[in-house]
């Protein structure tokens, strides 16, 4: 079973325990610094749900002048017309691309 499927199962499983909602959109991303993460959004929820470095993170939506920004605990995810970026604590911001295949 590949990384993407394990992550998707982990996200779906943790969400199922928290609420009966199903993800509207789950995607796997690969970043320039080598990081991979799964990203899920749920209906009527303003948070981004990530599986990053073996940890489930829930990032609340923050005010942004353009695009969407989600941030908590030093992790910031930005999604805009120019692409997606991820910022980890103590590391520079990195560009991330959505993978077409899991």
N, C-alpha and C. Protein backbone atom coordinates (compact mmCIF):
# COMPACT_ATOMS: atom_id res chain seq x y z
N UNK A 1 0.86 -1.18 0.00
CA UNK A 1 0.00 0.00 0.00
C UNK A 1 0.90 1.22 0.00
N UNK A 2 0.68 2.17 -0.91
CA UNK A 2 1.51 3.35 -1.05
C UNK A 2 1.27 4.38 0.02
N UNK A 3 2.18 5.34 0.11
CA UNK A 3 2.09 6.43 1.09
C UNK A 3 0.75 7.14 1.02
N UNK A 4 0.30 7.48 -0.18
CA UNK A 4 -0.94 8.23 -0.35
C UNK A 4 -2.14 7.49 0.19
N UNK A 5 -2.21 6.19 -0.05
CA UNK A 5 -3.35 5.42 0.44
C UNK A 5 -3.32 5.30 1.94
N UNK A 6 -2.15 5.10 2.53
CA UNK A 6 -2.05 5.03 3.99
C UNK A 6 -2.48 6.36 4.60
N UNK A 7 -2.02 7.47 4.02
CA UNK A 7 -2.37 8.78 4.52
C UNK A 7 -3.86 9.03 4.38
N UNK A 8 -4.42 8.69 3.23
CA UNK A 8 -5.86 8.90 3.01
C UNK A 8 -6.67 8.09 4.00
N UNK A 9 -6.25 6.86 4.26
CA UNK A 9 -6.96 6.03 5.24
C UNK A 9 -6.83 6.66 6.62
N UNK A 10 -5.65 7.17 6.96
CA UNK A 10 -5.45 7.82 8.25
C UNK A 10 -6.32 9.05 8.41
N UNK A 11 -6.39 9.88 7.39
CA UNK A 11 -7.22 11.08 7.45
C UNK A 11 -8.69 10.69 7.54
N UNK A 12 -9.11 9.77 6.69
CA UNK A 12 -10.51 9.37 6.69
C UNK A 12 -10.87 8.71 8.01
N UNK A 13 -9.96 7.90 8.55
CA UNK A 13 -10.21 7.24 9.83
C UNK A 13 -10.30 8.22 10.98
N UNK A 14 -9.40 9.20 11.04
CA UNK A 14 -9.46 10.18 12.13
C UNK A 14 -10.68 11.06 12.00
N UNK A 15 -11.08 11.37 10.79
CA UNK A 15 -12.28 12.18 10.59
C UNK A 15 -13.52 11.40 10.97
N UNK A 16 -13.53 10.11 10.68
CA UNK A 16 -14.69 9.28 11.03
C UNK A 16 -14.87 9.20 12.52
N UNK A 17 -13.78 9.18 13.27
CA UNK A 17 -13.88 9.16 14.72
C UNK A 17 -14.37 10.49 15.26
N UNK A 18 -14.00 11.58 14.60
CA UNK A 18 -14.38 12.91 15.08
C UNK A 18 -15.81 13.26 14.72
N UNK A 19 -16.26 12.88 13.52
CA UNK A 19 -17.61 13.22 13.08
C UNK A 19 -17.98 12.31 11.91
N UNK A 20 -19.26 12.24 11.60
CA UNK A 20 -19.67 11.39 10.49
C UNK A 20 -19.46 12.02 9.12
N UNK A 21 -18.89 13.21 9.04
CA UNK A 21 -18.69 13.91 7.76
C UNK A 21 -17.68 13.17 6.90
N UNK A 22 -17.86 13.26 5.59
CA UNK A 22 -16.90 12.69 4.66
C UNK A 22 -16.16 13.82 3.96
N UNK A 23 -14.94 13.55 3.56
CA UNK A 23 -14.13 14.59 2.91
C UNK A 23 -14.70 14.93 1.56
N UNK A 24 -14.78 16.23 1.28
CA UNK A 24 -15.21 16.70 -0.02
C UNK A 24 -14.08 16.59 -1.02
N UNK A 25 -12.85 16.68 -0.54
CA UNK A 25 -11.71 16.70 -1.42
C UNK A 25 -10.49 16.23 -0.63
N UNK A 26 -9.84 15.18 -1.09
CA UNK A 26 -8.58 14.71 -0.49
C UNK A 26 -7.54 14.69 -1.60
N UNK A 27 -6.38 15.27 -1.33
CA UNK A 27 -5.32 15.31 -2.34
C UNK A 27 -3.97 15.07 -1.67
N UNK A 28 -3.05 14.52 -2.44
CA UNK A 28 -1.68 14.29 -1.97
C UNK A 28 -0.78 15.31 -2.65
N UNK A 29 0.13 15.90 -1.87
CA UNK A 29 1.05 16.92 -2.38
C UNK A 29 2.49 16.49 -2.16
N UNK A 30 3.35 16.88 -3.10
CA UNK A 30 4.80 16.68 -3.00
C UNK A 30 5.44 18.07 -3.04
N UNK A 31 6.32 18.35 -2.07
CA UNK A 31 6.94 19.67 -1.97
C UNK A 31 8.39 19.63 -2.46
N UNK A 32 8.90 20.79 -2.83
CA UNK A 32 10.27 20.91 -3.34
C UNK A 32 11.31 20.47 -2.32
N UNK A 33 11.01 20.60 -1.03
CA UNK A 33 11.96 20.20 0.02
C UNK A 33 11.87 18.72 0.35
N UNK A 34 11.02 17.97 -0.38
CA UNK A 34 10.88 16.53 -0.16
C UNK A 34 9.70 16.15 0.71
N UNK A 35 9.07 17.10 1.35
CA UNK A 35 7.92 16.81 2.20
C UNK A 35 6.74 16.34 1.35
N UNK A 36 5.97 15.43 1.90
CA UNK A 36 4.72 14.99 1.29
C UNK A 36 3.63 15.15 2.33
N UNK A 37 2.45 15.54 1.87
CA UNK A 37 1.33 15.61 2.80
C UNK A 37 0.03 15.35 2.08
N UNK A 38 -0.92 14.87 2.84
CA UNK A 38 -2.28 14.70 2.33
C UNK A 38 -3.11 15.84 2.90
N UNK A 39 -4.00 16.35 2.08
CA UNK A 39 -4.82 17.50 2.45
C UNK A 39 -6.28 17.15 2.21
N UNK A 40 -7.11 17.41 3.21
CA UNK A 40 -8.55 17.14 3.09
C UNK A 40 -9.35 18.34 3.56
N UNK A 41 -10.46 18.56 2.87
CA UNK A 41 -11.42 19.58 3.26
C UNK A 41 -12.78 18.91 3.45
N UNK A 42 -13.54 19.40 4.42
CA UNK A 42 -14.85 18.84 4.73
C UNK A 42 -15.92 19.92 4.59
N UNK A 43 -17.09 19.50 4.16
CA UNK A 43 -18.21 20.42 3.98
C UNK A 43 -18.51 21.13 5.30
N UNK A 44 -18.81 22.42 5.21
CA UNK A 44 -19.18 23.25 6.37
C UNK A 44 -18.07 23.32 7.42
N UNK A 45 -16.82 23.11 7.02
CA UNK A 45 -15.68 23.20 7.93
C UNK A 45 -14.65 24.12 7.28
N UNK A 46 -14.22 25.13 8.01
CA UNK A 46 -13.27 26.10 7.46
C UNK A 46 -11.81 25.71 7.69
N UNK A 47 -11.55 24.52 8.18
CA UNK A 47 -10.19 24.07 8.47
C UNK A 47 -9.62 23.23 7.32
N UNK A 48 -8.30 23.24 7.22
CA UNK A 48 -7.58 22.33 6.34
C UNK A 48 -7.07 21.20 7.22
N UNK A 49 -7.30 19.97 6.81
CA UNK A 49 -6.87 18.81 7.58
C UNK A 49 -5.70 18.17 6.84
N UNK A 50 -4.53 18.15 7.50
CA UNK A 50 -3.31 17.63 6.88
C UNK A 50 -2.81 16.41 7.61
N UNK A 51 -2.18 15.53 6.87
CA UNK A 51 -1.40 14.44 7.43
C UNK A 51 0.01 14.74 6.98
N UNK A 52 0.85 15.20 7.93
CA UNK A 52 2.20 15.66 7.61
C UNK A 52 3.19 15.07 8.59
N UNK A 53 4.22 14.42 8.08
CA UNK A 53 5.26 13.81 8.92
C UNK A 53 4.67 12.88 9.98
N UNK A 54 3.66 12.11 9.57
CA UNK A 54 3.05 11.13 10.48
C UNK A 54 2.10 11.72 11.50
N UNK A 55 1.80 13.00 11.40
CA UNK A 55 0.91 13.64 12.37
C UNK A 55 -0.29 14.24 11.66
N UNK A 56 -1.44 14.10 12.30
CA UNK A 56 -2.66 14.73 11.78
C UNK A 56 -2.71 16.16 12.32
N UNK A 57 -2.85 17.12 11.42
CA UNK A 57 -2.92 18.54 11.80
C UNK A 57 -4.22 19.14 11.31
N UNK A 58 -4.82 19.98 12.12
CA UNK A 58 -6.00 20.73 11.72
C UNK A 58 -5.62 22.20 11.75
N UNK A 59 -5.61 22.82 10.58
CA UNK A 59 -5.20 24.22 10.47
C UNK A 59 -6.42 25.09 10.21
N UNK A 60 -6.71 26.03 11.12
CA UNK A 60 -7.83 26.93 10.89
C UNK A 60 -7.54 27.93 9.77
N UNK A 61 -8.58 28.32 9.07
CA UNK A 61 -8.45 29.30 8.00
C UNK A 61 -8.14 30.66 8.62
N UNK A 62 -7.20 31.37 8.03
CA UNK A 62 -6.78 32.69 8.50
C UNK A 62 -7.07 33.74 7.44
N UNK A 63 -7.06 34.98 7.86
CA UNK A 63 -7.28 36.09 6.94
C UNK A 63 -6.15 36.13 5.92
N UNK A 64 -6.51 36.32 4.66
CA UNK A 64 -5.53 36.39 3.58
C UNK A 64 -6.00 37.40 2.55
N UNK A 65 -5.09 38.20 2.03
CA UNK A 65 -5.44 39.18 1.02
C UNK A 65 -5.69 38.54 -0.34
N UNK A 66 -5.04 37.41 -0.59
CA UNK A 66 -5.29 36.69 -1.84
C UNK A 66 -5.16 35.20 -1.56
N UNK A 67 -5.98 34.41 -2.19
CA UNK A 67 -5.95 32.98 -1.99
C UNK A 67 -6.46 32.58 -0.62
N UNK A 68 -6.02 31.42 -0.17
CA UNK A 68 -6.43 30.90 1.13
C UNK A 68 -5.19 30.63 1.96
N UNK A 69 -5.30 30.91 3.27
CA UNK A 69 -4.18 30.66 4.19
C UNK A 69 -4.72 29.93 5.40
N UNK A 70 -4.02 28.87 5.79
CA UNK A 70 -4.38 28.06 6.96
C UNK A 70 -3.13 27.97 7.82
N UNK A 71 -3.28 28.15 9.14
CA UNK A 71 -2.08 28.18 9.98
C UNK A 71 -2.38 27.79 11.42
N UNK A 72 -1.44 27.03 12.00
CA UNK A 72 -1.48 26.68 13.43
C UNK A 72 -0.16 26.02 13.80
N UNK A 73 0.28 26.23 15.01
CA UNK A 73 1.47 25.57 15.53
C UNK A 73 2.72 25.75 14.70
N UNK A 74 2.85 26.88 14.03
CA UNK A 74 4.04 27.15 13.23
C UNK A 74 3.99 26.59 11.82
N UNK A 75 2.92 25.87 11.48
CA UNK A 75 2.75 25.33 10.12
C UNK A 75 1.77 26.24 9.38
N UNK A 76 2.17 26.70 8.19
CA UNK A 76 1.30 27.56 7.38
C UNK A 76 1.19 26.97 5.98
N UNK A 77 -0.05 26.83 5.54
CA UNK A 77 -0.36 26.34 4.20
C UNK A 77 -1.05 27.47 3.46
N UNK A 78 -0.53 27.81 2.28
CA UNK A 78 -1.13 28.84 1.42
C UNK A 78 -1.51 28.21 0.09
N UNK A 79 -2.74 28.48 -0.32
CA UNK A 79 -3.24 27.98 -1.60
C UNK A 79 -3.72 29.20 -2.39
N UNK A 80 -3.10 29.42 -3.53
CA UNK A 80 -3.45 30.59 -4.34
C UNK A 80 -3.39 30.28 -5.81
N UNK A 81 -3.69 31.28 -6.60
CA UNK A 81 -3.69 31.08 -8.06
C UNK A 81 -2.29 30.77 -8.59
N UNK A 82 -1.26 31.17 -7.85
CA UNK A 82 0.13 30.91 -8.27
C UNK A 82 0.67 29.59 -7.74
N UNK A 83 -0.14 28.84 -6.98
CA UNK A 83 0.30 27.55 -6.46
C UNK A 83 0.08 27.40 -4.97
N UNK A 84 0.68 26.35 -4.43
CA UNK A 84 0.54 26.00 -3.02
C UNK A 84 1.91 26.04 -2.37
N UNK A 85 1.98 26.61 -1.16
CA UNK A 85 3.23 26.62 -0.41
C UNK A 85 2.98 26.10 1.01
N UNK A 86 4.04 25.56 1.59
CA UNK A 86 3.98 25.04 2.95
C UNK A 86 5.16 25.60 3.73
N UNK A 87 4.92 26.03 4.94
CA UNK A 87 5.97 26.55 5.82
C UNK A 87 5.96 25.72 7.10
N UNK A 88 7.10 25.08 7.40
CA UNK A 88 7.27 24.32 8.64
C UNK A 88 8.02 25.20 9.64
N UNK A 89 7.86 24.94 10.94
CA UNK A 89 8.65 25.70 11.92
C UNK A 89 10.15 25.51 11.70
N UNK A 90 10.88 26.60 11.65
CA UNK A 90 12.33 26.56 11.52
C UNK A 90 12.85 26.25 10.12
N UNK A 91 11.96 26.10 9.14
CA UNK A 91 12.38 25.80 7.77
C UNK A 91 11.84 26.86 6.82
N UNK A 92 12.51 27.06 5.70
CA UNK A 92 12.00 28.05 4.75
C UNK A 92 10.72 27.55 4.07
N UNK A 93 9.96 28.47 3.55
CA UNK A 93 8.75 28.14 2.81
C UNK A 93 9.11 27.32 1.57
N UNK A 94 8.30 26.34 1.24
CA UNK A 94 8.57 25.49 0.08
C UNK A 94 7.34 25.40 -0.80
N UNK A 95 7.56 25.26 -2.10
CA UNK A 95 6.45 25.11 -3.05
C UNK A 95 6.05 23.65 -3.12
N UNK A 96 4.74 23.42 -3.28
CA UNK A 96 4.21 22.07 -3.31
C UNK A 96 3.30 21.90 -4.51
N UNK A 97 3.33 20.72 -5.09
CA UNK A 97 2.50 20.39 -6.24
C UNK A 97 1.58 19.23 -5.92
N UNK A 98 0.35 19.36 -6.37
CA UNK A 98 -0.63 18.30 -6.18
C UNK A 98 -0.24 17.13 -7.11
N UNK A 99 -0.26 15.92 -6.56
CA UNK A 99 0.04 14.75 -7.35
C UNK A 99 -1.24 14.22 -7.99
N UNK A 100 -1.14 13.83 -9.25
CA UNK A 100 -2.30 13.32 -9.97
C UNK A 100 -2.67 11.90 -9.55
N UNK A 101 -1.66 11.12 -9.15
CA UNK A 101 -1.88 9.72 -8.77
C UNK A 101 -1.43 9.50 -7.34
N UNK A 102 -2.14 8.60 -6.67
CA UNK A 102 -1.75 8.21 -5.31
C UNK A 102 -0.73 7.15 -5.45
